[in-house]
């Protein structure tokens, strides 16, 4: 009888321990998202002579308690509603003081995101308002309204 109960208990134990570890990882991720915060301190989006020479510089500060990695940037023309998306392949991230490449920022640190000429894909119209949104790999973000 003891052997039968033990044999039946092993699959139940394995299933429940797997379920528990999945729940634990969910709560750990939720805890990281709850402590992750960024703020866009400044955005430079300027009109250029051609689309190929237009660029954008964004300064992001980590005000949360979790290490932050930027994954996406969106720029929306508030007049026309056109939205442009930039993934990590279309922008560079660096330390604004040393200009050394960095991939993430710790609490209190600042990061410069640069969308180089040719990658912006449009020429910001002078006097037009744009909404710039930046998101982390965990989906936390901030936005900044700027006039070109």
C-alpha atoms as a PDB file:
ATOM      1  CA  UNK A   1       0.000   0.000   0.000  1.00  0.00           C
ATOM      2  CA  UNK A   2       2.843   2.357   0.885  1.00  0.00           C
ATOM      3  CA  UNK A   3       4.501   1.702  -2.493  1.00  0.00           C
ATOM      4  CA  UNK A   4       1.291   2.525  -4.386  1.00  0.00           C
ATOM      5  CA  UNK A   5       0.766   5.791  -2.482  1.00  0.00           C
ATOM      6  CA  UNK A   6       4.413   6.763  -3.065  1.00  0.00           C
ATOM      7  CA  UNK A   7       4.203   5.957  -6.783  1.00  0.00           C
ATOM      8  CA  UNK A   8       1.041   8.061  -7.138  1.00  0.00           C
ATOM      9  CA  UNK A   9       2.488  10.929  -5.107  1.00  0.00           C
ATOM     10  CA  UNK A  10       5.647  11.422  -7.255  1.00  0.00           C
ATOM     11  CA  UNK A  11       3.839  12.804 -10.396  1.00  0.00           C
ATOM     12  CA  UNK A  12       1.700  15.078  -8.193  1.00  0.00           C
ATOM     13  CA  UNK A  13       4.818  16.377  -6.445  1.00  0.00           C
ATOM     14  CA  UNK A  14       6.633  17.052  -9.741  1.00  0.00           C
ATOM     15  CA  UNK A  15       3.588  18.850 -11.173  1.00  0.00           C
ATOM     16  CA  UNK A  16       3.104  21.024  -8.084  1.00  0.00           C
ATOM     17  CA  UNK A  17       6.805  21.959  -7.805  1.00  0.00           C
ATOM     18  CA  UNK A  18       6.790  23.031 -11.476  1.00  0.00           C
ATOM     19  CA  UNK A  19       3.654  25.074 -10.904  1.00  0.00           C
ATOM     20  CA  UNK A  20       5.160  26.721  -7.840  1.00  0.00           C
ATOM     21  CA  UNK A  21       8.355  27.718  -9.660  1.00  0.00           C
ATOM     22  CA  UNK A  22       6.283  29.228 -12.501  1.00  0.00           C
ATOM     23  CA  UNK A  23       4.290  31.279  -9.994  1.00  0.00           C
ATOM     24  CA  UNK A  24       7.480  32.390  -8.259  1.00  0.00           C
ATOM     25  CA  UNK A  25       9.046  33.607 -11.525  1.00  0.00           C
ATOM     26  CA  UNK A  26       5.819  35.501 -12.337  1.00  0.00           C
ATOM     27  CA  UNK A  27       5.966  37.333  -8.998  1.00  0.00           C
ATOM     28  CA  UNK A  28       9.692  38.032  -9.376  1.00  0.00           C
ATOM     29  CA  UNK A  29       9.071  39.627 -12.795  1.00  0.00           C
ATOM     30  CA  UNK A  30       6.125  41.591 -11.407  1.00  0.00           C
ATOM     31  CA  UNK A  31       8.382  42.869  -8.625  1.00  0.00           C
ATOM     32  CA  UNK A  32      10.996  44.015 -11.151  1.00  0.00           C
ATOM     33  CA  UNK A  33       8.378  45.827 -13.235  1.00  0.00           C
ATOM     34  CA  UNK A  34       6.979  47.510 -10.117  1.00  0.00           C
ATOM     35  CA  UNK A  35      10.410  48.967  -9.272  1.00  0.00           C
ATOM     36  CA  UNK A  36      11.344  49.939 -12.844  1.00  0.00           C
ATOM     37  CA  UNK A  37      10.853  53.626 -13.733  1.00  0.00           C
ATOM     38  CA  UNK A  38      12.343  55.884 -16.399  1.00  0.00           C
ATOM     39  CA  UNK A  39      11.918  59.546 -17.216  1.00  0.00           C
ATOM     40  CA  UNK A  40      12.689  61.332 -20.476  1.00  0.00           C
ATOM     41  CA  UNK A  41      14.651  64.416 -19.478  1.00  0.00           C
ATOM     42  CA  UNK A  42      15.200  65.984 -22.892  1.00  0.00           C
ATOM     43  CA  UNK A  43      14.491  65.322 -26.563  1.00  0.00           C
ATOM     44  CA  UNK A  44      16.197  67.081 -29.490  1.00  0.00           C
ATOM     45  CA  UNK A  45      14.255  66.610 -32.717  1.00  0.00           C
ATOM     46  CA  UNK A  46      15.207  69.145 -35.329  1.00  0.00           C
ATOM     47  CA  UNK A  47      14.263  69.882 -38.896  1.00  0.00           C
ATOM     48  CA  UNK A  48      17.100  69.290 -41.386  1.00  0.00           C
ATOM     49  CA  UNK A  49      17.701  70.217 -45.015  1.00  0.00           C
ATOM     50  CA  UNK A  50      16.884  66.635 -46.123  1.00  0.00           C
ATOM     51  CA  UNK A  51      15.263  63.507 -44.679  1.00  0.00           C
ATOM     52  CA  UNK A  52      18.639  61.775 -44.877  1.00  0.00           C
ATOM     53  CA  UNK A  53      20.215  64.286 -42.483  1.00  0.00           C
ATOM     54  CA  UNK A  54      17.416  64.473 -39.858  1.00  0.00           C
ATOM     55  CA  UNK A  55      18.197  62.862 -36.482  1.00  0.00           C
ATOM     56  CA  UNK A  56      16.946  62.650 -32.911  1.00  0.00           C
ATOM     57  CA  UNK A  57      18.660  62.624 -29.510  1.00  0.00           C
ATOM     58  CA  UNK A  58      16.819  61.478 -26.379  1.00  0.00           C
ATOM     59  CA  UNK A  59      18.099  61.595 -22.783  1.00  0.00           C
ATOM     60  CA  UNK A  60      16.632  58.958 -20.438  1.00  0.00           C
ATOM     61  CA  UNK A  61      17.208  58.720 -16.674  1.00  0.00           C
ATOM     62  CA  UNK A  62      16.542  55.597 -14.614  1.00  0.00           C
ATOM     63  CA  UNK A  63      14.588  56.725 -11.535  1.00  0.00           C
ATOM     64  CA  UNK A  64      13.616  53.211 -10.464  1.00  0.00           C
ATOM     65  CA  UNK A  65      15.489  50.592  -8.480  1.00  0.00           C
ATOM     66  CA  UNK A  66      15.951  48.069 -11.291  1.00  0.00           C
ATOM     67  CA  UNK A  67      18.539  47.889 -14.065  1.00  0.00           C
ATOM     68  CA  UNK A  68      16.905  49.247 -17.261  1.00  0.00           C
ATOM     69  CA  UNK A  69      17.457  48.321 -20.918  1.00  0.00           C
ATOM     70  CA  UNK A  70      15.723  50.361 -23.633  1.00  0.00           C
ATOM     71  CA  UNK A  71      14.026  48.342 -26.372  1.00  0.00           C
ATOM     72  CA  UNK A  72      11.752  50.666 -28.366  1.00  0.00           C
ATOM     73  CA  UNK A  73      11.275  54.310 -29.312  1.00  0.00           C
ATOM     74  CA  UNK A  74       8.108  55.681 -30.927  1.00  0.00           C
ATOM     75  CA  UNK A  75       7.757  59.153 -32.442  1.00  0.00           C
ATOM     76  CA  UNK A  76       4.262  60.354 -33.328  1.00  0.00           C
ATOM     77  CA  UNK A  77       3.413  63.442 -35.390  1.00  0.00           C
ATOM     78  CA  UNK A  78       0.509  64.871 -33.387  1.00  0.00           C
ATOM     79  CA  UNK A  79      -0.853  66.732 -36.421  1.00  0.00           C
ATOM     80  CA  UNK A  80      -0.994  63.888 -38.941  1.00  0.00           C
ATOM     81  CA  UNK A  81      -1.014  60.975 -36.491  1.00  0.00           C
ATOM     82  CA  UNK A  82       1.863  59.233 -38.287  1.00  0.00           C
ATOM     83  CA  UNK A  83       3.858  57.030 -35.909  1.00  0.00           C
ATOM     84  CA  UNK A  84       7.436  55.865 -36.460  1.00  0.00           C
ATOM     85  CA  UNK A  85       8.848  52.919 -34.510  1.00  0.00           C
ATOM     86  CA  UNK A  86      12.534  52.380 -33.793  1.00  0.00           C
ATOM     87  CA  UNK A  87      13.901  49.129 -32.396  1.00  0.00           C
ATOM     88  CA  UNK A  88      17.409  48.619 -31.047  1.00  0.00           C
ATOM     89  CA  UNK A  89      18.815  48.165 -34.553  1.00  0.00           C
ATOM     90  CA  UNK A  90      17.825  51.732 -35.496  1.00  0.00           C
ATOM     91  CA  UNK A  91      19.327  53.638 -32.557  1.00  0.00           C
ATOM     92  CA  UNK A  92      22.460  53.682 -30.425  1.00  0.00           C
ATOM     93  CA  UNK A  93      22.699  54.074 -26.655  1.00  0.00           C
ATOM     94  CA  UNK A  94      25.636  55.683 -24.902  1.00  0.00           C
ATOM     95  CA  UNK A  95      26.796  57.421 -21.751  1.00  0.00           C
ATOM     96  CA  UNK A  96      26.188  61.146 -22.407  1.00  0.00           C
ATOM     97  CA  UNK A  97      29.361  62.185 -20.561  1.00  0.00           C
ATOM     98  CA  UNK A  98      31.929  59.762 -22.009  1.00  0.00           C
ATOM     99  CA  UNK A  99      30.000  58.875 -25.183  1.00  0.00           C
ATOM    100  CA  UNK A 100      30.951  55.208 -24.567  1.00  0.00           C
ATOM    101  CA  UNK A 101      28.342  52.674 -25.714  1.00  0.00           C
ATOM    102  CA  UNK A 102      26.159  51.246 -22.928  1.00  0.00           C
ATOM    103  CA  UNK A 103      23.280  48.786 -23.078  1.00  0.00           C
ATOM    104  CA  UNK A 104      21.575  49.466 -19.738  1.00  0.00           C
ATOM    105  CA  UNK A 105      21.463  51.992 -16.902  1.00  0.00           C
ATOM    106  CA  UNK A 106      21.294  51.622 -13.142  1.00  0.00           C
ATOM    107  CA  UNK A 107      19.325  53.740 -10.691  1.00  0.00           C
ATOM    108  CA  UNK A 108      20.048  57.454 -11.113  1.00  0.00           C
ATOM    109  CA  UNK A 109      22.121  57.065 -14.293  1.00  0.00           C
ATOM    110  CA  UNK A 110      21.499  58.850 -17.595  1.00  0.00           C
ATOM    111  CA  UNK A 111      21.508  57.344 -21.097  1.00  0.00           C
ATOM    112  CA  UNK A 112      21.657  59.042 -24.483  1.00  0.00           C
ATOM    113  CA  UNK A 113      19.600  57.448 -27.254  1.00  0.00           C
ATOM    114  CA  UNK A 114      20.622  58.604 -30.713  1.00  0.00           C
ATOM    115  CA  UNK A 115      18.679  57.930 -33.906  1.00  0.00           C
ATOM    116  CA  UNK A 116      21.281  58.776 -36.572  1.00  0.00           C
ATOM    117  CA  UNK A 117      20.722  60.492 -39.916  1.00  0.00           C
ATOM    118  CA  UNK A 118      19.092  58.162 -42.397  1.00  0.00           C
ATOM    119  CA  UNK A 119      17.361  56.093 -39.685  1.00  0.00           C
ATOM    120  CA  UNK A 120      14.768  58.681 -38.635  1.00  0.00           C
ATOM    121  CA  UNK A 121      12.757  58.107 -41.821  1.00  0.00           C
ATOM    122  CA  UNK A 122      11.083  61.515 -41.896  1.00  0.00           C
ATOM    123  CA  UNK A 123      12.040  65.183 -41.720  1.00  0.00           C
ATOM    124  CA  UNK A 124      10.459  66.857 -38.669  1.00  0.00           C
ATOM    125  CA  UNK A 125       8.469  69.903 -39.773  1.00  0.00           C
ATOM    126  CA  UNK A 126       9.477  73.124 -38.020  1.00  0.00           C
ATOM    127  CA  UNK A 127       6.855  74.174 -35.485  1.00  0.00           C
ATOM    128  CA  UNK A 128       5.119  70.773 -35.483  1.00  0.00           C
ATOM    129  CA  UNK A 129       4.575  68.978 -32.173  1.00  0.00           C
ATOM    130  CA  UNK A 130       5.772  65.391 -31.804  1.00  0.00           C
ATOM    131  CA  UNK A 131       5.192  62.886 -29.023  1.00  0.00           C
ATOM    132  CA  UNK A 132       8.238  60.733 -28.220  1.00  0.00           C
ATOM    133  CA  UNK A 133       7.729  57.523 -26.230  1.00  0.00           C
ATOM    134  CA  UNK A 134      10.504  55.276 -24.933  1.00  0.00           C
ATOM    135  CA  UNK A 135       9.957  51.760 -23.558  1.00  0.00           C
ATOM    136  CA  UNK A 136      12.135  49.297 -21.657  1.00  0.00           C
ATOM    137  CA  UNK A 137      12.411  45.574 -22.341  1.00  0.00           C
ATOM    138  CA  UNK A 138       9.817  44.978 -19.585  1.00  0.00           C
ATOM    139  CA  UNK A 139       7.308  47.423 -21.120  1.00  0.00           C
ATOM    140  CA  UNK A 140       7.784  50.339 -18.728  1.00  0.00           C
ATOM    141  CA  UNK A 141       7.939  53.681 -20.502  1.00  0.00           C
ATOM    142  CA  UNK A 142       7.693  57.455 -20.488  1.00  0.00           C
ATOM    143  CA  UNK A 143       6.762  60.104 -23.030  1.00  0.00           C
ATOM    144  CA  UNK A 144       7.907  63.613 -23.924  1.00  0.00           C
ATOM    145  CA  UNK A 145       6.204  66.214 -26.078  1.00  0.00           C
ATOM    146  CA  UNK A 146       8.585  68.256 -28.262  1.00  0.00           C
ATOM    147  CA  UNK A 147       8.239  70.887 -30.953  1.00  0.00           C
ATOM    148  CA  UNK A 148      10.608  70.515 -33.892  1.00  0.00           C
END
